[in-house]
N, C-alpha and C. Protein backbone atom coordinates (compact mmCIF):
# COMPACT_ATOMS: atom_id res chain seq x y z
N MET A 1 -31.63 108.28 101.46
CA MET A 1 -31.90 109.37 100.56
C MET A 1 -30.59 109.93 100.04
N VAL A 2 -30.51 110.13 98.76
CA VAL A 2 -29.30 110.64 98.13
C VAL A 2 -29.41 112.16 98.02
N THR A 3 -28.39 112.85 98.49
CA THR A 3 -28.37 114.30 98.33
C THR A 3 -27.37 114.66 97.25
N ILE A 4 -27.78 115.53 96.38
CA ILE A 4 -26.92 115.96 95.29
C ILE A 4 -26.37 117.34 95.61
N GLU A 5 -25.06 117.44 95.59
CA GLU A 5 -24.42 118.73 95.87
C GLU A 5 -24.40 119.56 94.58
N THR A 6 -24.61 120.83 94.73
CA THR A 6 -24.61 121.74 93.60
C THR A 6 -23.88 123.02 93.97
N ASN A 7 -23.47 123.76 92.97
CA ASN A 7 -22.84 125.05 93.22
C ASN A 7 -23.92 126.10 93.45
N VAL A 8 -23.67 126.94 94.44
CA VAL A 8 -24.58 128.04 94.76
C VAL A 8 -23.75 129.31 94.80
N TYR A 9 -24.20 130.32 94.09
CA TYR A 9 -23.50 131.60 94.00
C TYR A 9 -24.26 132.60 94.87
N VAL A 10 -23.59 133.12 95.89
CA VAL A 10 -24.24 133.96 96.89
C VAL A 10 -23.66 135.38 96.85
N SER A 11 -24.56 136.35 96.88
CA SER A 11 -24.17 137.75 97.01
C SER A 11 -24.84 138.31 98.26
N VAL A 12 -24.06 138.50 99.30
CA VAL A 12 -24.59 139.07 100.54
C VAL A 12 -24.94 140.54 100.32
N VAL A 13 -24.14 141.23 99.53
CA VAL A 13 -24.36 142.64 99.26
C VAL A 13 -25.71 142.86 98.57
N ASN A 14 -26.05 141.98 97.63
CA ASN A 14 -27.29 142.12 96.87
C ASN A 14 -28.45 141.29 97.43
N ASN A 15 -28.23 140.62 98.56
CA ASN A 15 -29.26 139.74 99.15
C ASN A 15 -29.81 138.77 98.12
N SER A 16 -28.92 138.03 97.46
CA SER A 16 -29.37 137.11 96.43
C SER A 16 -28.48 135.87 96.38
N PHE A 17 -29.05 134.83 95.77
CA PHE A 17 -28.29 133.62 95.50
C PHE A 17 -28.81 133.04 94.19
N SER A 18 -27.99 132.20 93.57
CA SER A 18 -28.38 131.60 92.31
C SER A 18 -27.69 130.26 92.18
N PHE A 19 -28.32 129.37 91.42
CA PHE A 19 -27.71 128.07 91.15
C PHE A 19 -26.86 128.09 89.88
N VAL A 20 -26.97 129.16 89.10
CA VAL A 20 -26.18 129.28 87.88
C VAL A 20 -25.40 130.60 87.91
N PRO A 21 -24.18 130.58 87.44
CA PRO A 21 -23.44 131.85 87.39
C PRO A 21 -24.10 132.79 86.40
N SER A 22 -24.19 134.03 86.75
CA SER A 22 -24.81 135.01 85.87
C SER A 22 -23.94 136.25 85.80
N SER A 23 -24.44 137.23 85.11
CA SER A 23 -23.68 138.47 85.00
C SER A 23 -23.71 139.28 86.29
N ALA A 24 -24.65 138.95 87.17
CA ALA A 24 -24.72 139.64 88.46
C ALA A 24 -23.54 139.19 89.33
N PRO A 25 -22.91 140.12 90.02
CA PRO A 25 -21.74 139.74 90.84
C PRO A 25 -22.15 138.92 92.05
N CYS A 26 -21.29 138.02 92.44
CA CYS A 26 -21.50 137.26 93.67
C CYS A 26 -20.17 137.23 94.42
N GLU A 27 -20.27 137.19 95.72
CA GLU A 27 -19.06 137.18 96.54
C GLU A 27 -18.56 135.77 96.84
N PHE A 28 -19.48 134.79 96.85
CA PHE A 28 -19.11 133.45 97.28
C PHE A 28 -19.68 132.39 96.34
N LYS A 29 -18.86 131.36 96.11
CA LYS A 29 -19.31 130.17 95.39
C LYS A 29 -19.24 129.02 96.39
N LEU A 30 -20.39 128.43 96.69
CA LEU A 30 -20.47 127.37 97.68
C LEU A 30 -20.88 126.07 97.01
N THR A 31 -20.52 124.96 97.60
CA THR A 31 -20.98 123.65 97.16
C THR A 31 -21.80 123.07 98.29
N MET A 32 -23.10 122.87 98.01
CA MET A 32 -24.00 122.43 99.07
C MET A 32 -25.22 121.74 98.45
N PRO A 33 -25.99 121.00 99.26
CA PRO A 33 -27.23 120.42 98.75
C PRO A 33 -28.21 121.53 98.38
N SER A 34 -28.88 121.36 97.25
CA SER A 34 -29.76 122.42 96.75
C SER A 34 -30.90 122.74 97.71
N GLU A 35 -31.40 121.74 98.44
CA GLU A 35 -32.50 122.03 99.37
C GLU A 35 -32.04 122.90 100.54
N LYS A 36 -30.79 122.82 100.91
CA LYS A 36 -30.27 123.69 101.98
C LYS A 36 -30.05 125.12 101.48
N ALA A 37 -29.82 125.28 100.19
CA ALA A 37 -29.59 126.61 99.63
C ALA A 37 -30.85 127.47 99.73
N ARG A 38 -32.00 126.87 99.83
CA ARG A 38 -33.25 127.63 99.94
C ARG A 38 -33.30 128.43 101.25
N VAL A 39 -32.47 128.08 102.21
CA VAL A 39 -32.40 128.84 103.45
C VAL A 39 -31.96 130.28 103.16
N PHE A 40 -31.06 130.43 102.19
CA PHE A 40 -30.63 131.78 101.80
C PHE A 40 -31.83 132.61 101.35
N GLU A 41 -32.69 132.00 100.56
CA GLU A 41 -33.87 132.72 100.07
C GLU A 41 -34.73 133.22 101.23
N ARG A 42 -34.98 132.35 102.20
CA ARG A 42 -35.81 132.73 103.36
C ARG A 42 -35.17 133.85 104.16
N ILE A 43 -33.88 133.73 104.44
CA ILE A 43 -33.19 134.74 105.25
C ILE A 43 -33.12 136.07 104.50
N PHE A 44 -32.83 136.04 103.21
CA PHE A 44 -32.77 137.28 102.43
C PHE A 44 -34.15 137.96 102.39
N GLN A 45 -35.22 137.18 102.30
CA GLN A 45 -36.57 137.76 102.33
C GLN A 45 -36.83 138.42 103.68
N GLN A 46 -36.40 137.78 104.76
CA GLN A 46 -36.58 138.36 106.09
C GLN A 46 -35.81 139.66 106.22
N ILE A 47 -34.58 139.69 105.71
CA ILE A 47 -33.78 140.91 105.77
C ILE A 47 -34.45 142.02 104.98
N ASP A 48 -34.96 141.71 103.79
CA ASP A 48 -35.65 142.72 102.98
C ASP A 48 -36.83 143.31 103.75
N SER A 49 -37.58 142.46 104.41
CA SER A 49 -38.73 142.92 105.19
C SER A 49 -38.29 143.82 106.35
N LEU A 50 -37.24 143.41 107.05
CA LEU A 50 -36.72 144.21 108.16
C LEU A 50 -36.17 145.55 107.68
N GLU A 51 -35.51 145.55 106.53
CA GLU A 51 -34.97 146.80 106.00
C GLU A 51 -36.09 147.75 105.59
N PHE A 52 -37.20 147.21 105.10
CA PHE A 52 -38.35 148.07 104.79
C PHE A 52 -38.88 148.69 106.08
N HIS A 53 -38.96 147.89 107.13
CA HIS A 53 -39.40 148.38 108.43
C HIS A 53 -38.46 149.50 108.91
N ASN A 54 -37.17 149.31 108.70
CA ASN A 54 -36.19 150.34 109.08
C ASN A 54 -36.41 151.64 108.31
N MET A 55 -36.72 151.51 107.03
CA MET A 55 -36.95 152.70 106.22
C MET A 55 -38.16 153.48 106.75
N VAL A 56 -39.20 152.77 107.12
CA VAL A 56 -40.39 153.43 107.68
C VAL A 56 -40.04 154.05 109.03
N ARG A 57 -39.31 153.31 109.87
CA ARG A 57 -38.94 153.78 111.19
C ARG A 57 -38.04 155.01 111.12
N ALA A 58 -37.25 155.12 110.07
CA ALA A 58 -36.33 156.24 109.94
C ALA A 58 -37.05 157.59 109.92
N HIS A 59 -38.32 157.57 109.64
CA HIS A 59 -39.10 158.80 109.60
C HIS A 59 -39.72 159.16 110.95
N LEU A 60 -39.37 158.40 111.97
CA LEU A 60 -39.86 158.67 113.32
C LEU A 60 -38.69 159.19 114.16
N PRO A 61 -38.59 160.49 114.33
CA PRO A 61 -37.41 161.05 114.99
C PRO A 61 -37.30 160.71 116.48
N TYR A 62 -38.37 160.28 117.11
CA TYR A 62 -38.31 160.01 118.54
C TYR A 62 -37.73 158.64 118.87
N LEU A 63 -37.47 157.80 117.86
CA LEU A 63 -36.89 156.48 118.10
C LEU A 63 -35.45 156.47 117.56
N PRO A 64 -34.45 156.48 118.46
CA PRO A 64 -33.06 156.49 118.00
C PRO A 64 -32.73 155.23 117.20
N TYR A 65 -31.92 155.41 116.19
CA TYR A 65 -31.56 154.32 115.28
C TYR A 65 -30.93 153.15 116.03
N HIS A 66 -30.03 153.43 116.95
CA HIS A 66 -29.33 152.36 117.66
C HIS A 66 -30.23 151.61 118.64
N MET A 67 -31.41 152.12 118.91
CA MET A 67 -32.35 151.45 119.82
C MET A 67 -33.38 150.61 119.06
N ASP A 68 -33.28 150.57 117.75
CA ASP A 68 -34.27 149.87 116.94
C ASP A 68 -33.96 148.37 116.94
N GLU A 69 -34.89 147.58 117.40
CA GLU A 69 -34.72 146.13 117.50
C GLU A 69 -34.50 145.48 116.14
N SER A 70 -35.09 146.02 115.07
CA SER A 70 -34.94 145.38 113.77
C SER A 70 -33.49 145.45 113.27
N ASN A 71 -32.72 146.44 113.72
CA ASN A 71 -31.29 146.46 113.37
C ASN A 71 -30.57 145.24 113.93
N HIS A 72 -30.91 144.86 115.15
CA HIS A 72 -30.31 143.69 115.76
C HIS A 72 -30.77 142.42 115.04
N GLU A 73 -32.01 142.41 114.59
CA GLU A 73 -32.53 141.25 113.86
C GLU A 73 -31.81 141.08 112.53
N ILE A 74 -31.50 142.18 111.85
CA ILE A 74 -30.76 142.11 110.59
C ILE A 74 -29.36 141.56 110.86
N ASP A 75 -28.70 142.06 111.90
CA ASP A 75 -27.37 141.57 112.25
C ASP A 75 -27.40 140.07 112.56
N TYR A 76 -28.41 139.63 113.27
CA TYR A 76 -28.55 138.21 113.62
C TYR A 76 -28.68 137.37 112.34
N ARG A 77 -29.46 137.84 111.39
CA ARG A 77 -29.64 137.09 110.14
C ARG A 77 -28.36 137.09 109.30
N LEU A 78 -27.62 138.19 109.33
CA LEU A 78 -26.35 138.21 108.63
C LEU A 78 -25.37 137.19 109.24
N MET A 79 -25.41 137.05 110.55
CA MET A 79 -24.58 136.04 111.20
C MET A 79 -24.97 134.64 110.73
N LYS A 80 -26.27 134.39 110.56
CA LYS A 80 -26.72 133.10 110.05
C LYS A 80 -26.21 132.86 108.63
N ILE A 81 -26.29 133.89 107.81
CA ILE A 81 -25.83 133.76 106.42
C ILE A 81 -24.34 133.43 106.40
N TYR A 82 -23.55 134.16 107.17
CA TYR A 82 -22.12 133.90 107.18
C TYR A 82 -21.79 132.55 107.81
N ALA A 83 -22.61 132.06 108.72
CA ALA A 83 -22.40 130.72 109.27
C ALA A 83 -22.61 129.67 108.17
N LEU A 84 -23.62 129.86 107.34
CA LEU A 84 -23.85 128.94 106.22
C LEU A 84 -22.70 129.02 105.21
N ILE A 85 -22.27 130.24 104.93
CA ILE A 85 -21.16 130.42 103.99
C ILE A 85 -19.91 129.73 104.54
N HIS A 86 -19.69 129.85 105.83
CA HIS A 86 -18.53 129.19 106.46
C HIS A 86 -18.66 127.68 106.37
N GLU A 87 -19.84 127.16 106.61
CA GLU A 87 -20.04 125.71 106.62
C GLU A 87 -19.82 125.09 105.24
N PHE A 88 -20.25 125.76 104.18
CA PHE A 88 -20.21 125.16 102.85
C PHE A 88 -19.17 125.79 101.92
N GLY A 89 -18.38 126.70 102.44
CA GLY A 89 -17.36 127.34 101.61
C GLY A 89 -16.06 126.56 101.58
N ASP A 90 -15.17 126.98 100.70
CA ASP A 90 -13.85 126.36 100.64
C ASP A 90 -12.97 126.93 101.75
N GLU A 91 -11.73 126.51 101.81
CA GLU A 91 -10.83 126.94 102.89
C GLU A 91 -10.61 128.45 102.90
N GLU A 92 -10.46 129.04 101.73
CA GLU A 92 -10.26 130.49 101.64
C GLU A 92 -11.49 131.24 102.18
N THR A 93 -12.66 130.74 101.83
CA THR A 93 -13.90 131.35 102.31
C THR A 93 -14.02 131.23 103.82
N LYS A 94 -13.68 130.07 104.34
CA LYS A 94 -13.75 129.85 105.79
C LYS A 94 -12.81 130.81 106.53
N LYS A 95 -11.61 131.00 106.00
CA LYS A 95 -10.67 131.92 106.63
C LYS A 95 -11.20 133.35 106.62
N PHE A 96 -11.83 133.73 105.51
CA PHE A 96 -12.40 135.08 105.42
C PHE A 96 -13.49 135.27 106.47
N VAL A 97 -14.41 134.31 106.58
CA VAL A 97 -15.51 134.43 107.53
C VAL A 97 -14.99 134.42 108.96
N GLU A 98 -13.99 133.64 109.24
CA GLU A 98 -13.44 133.56 110.59
C GLU A 98 -12.81 134.88 111.04
N GLN A 99 -12.42 135.73 110.13
CA GLN A 99 -11.84 137.01 110.52
C GLN A 99 -12.90 138.09 110.72
N LEU A 100 -14.15 137.80 110.43
CA LEU A 100 -15.22 138.79 110.65
C LEU A 100 -15.39 139.02 112.14
N PRO A 101 -15.73 140.26 112.55
CA PRO A 101 -15.76 140.58 113.97
C PRO A 101 -16.81 139.81 114.77
N TYR A 102 -17.90 139.41 114.15
CA TYR A 102 -18.94 138.73 114.93
C TYR A 102 -18.94 137.23 114.72
N PHE A 103 -17.91 136.67 114.13
CA PHE A 103 -17.88 135.24 113.90
C PHE A 103 -17.85 134.45 115.20
N ASN A 104 -17.14 134.91 116.19
CA ASN A 104 -17.00 134.17 117.45
C ASN A 104 -18.09 134.49 118.46
N ASN A 105 -19.11 135.26 118.08
CA ASN A 105 -20.20 135.58 119.03
C ASN A 105 -21.12 134.42 119.21
């Protein structure tokens, strides 16, 4: 099976990715197989769902923010995103990700 590599533009801040450059800002330009890029879509959807849960939970004063399991789930998914960015990024991108505090966890 032949895999075709394509450019993927990822914005972690905006929870988005695109196969074409657009006017929306992106932090990373990766070269990867297009079918693997769909992982970003799934993870970003999961983060959006968890963040909605956090917004609802924020209205419950008896549950401290730091004890909320969904915060840890968001962090875990961000680690997955940065692992993908590290795997398919250029050398400069890899160096940036390697300096993140949770890269070696």
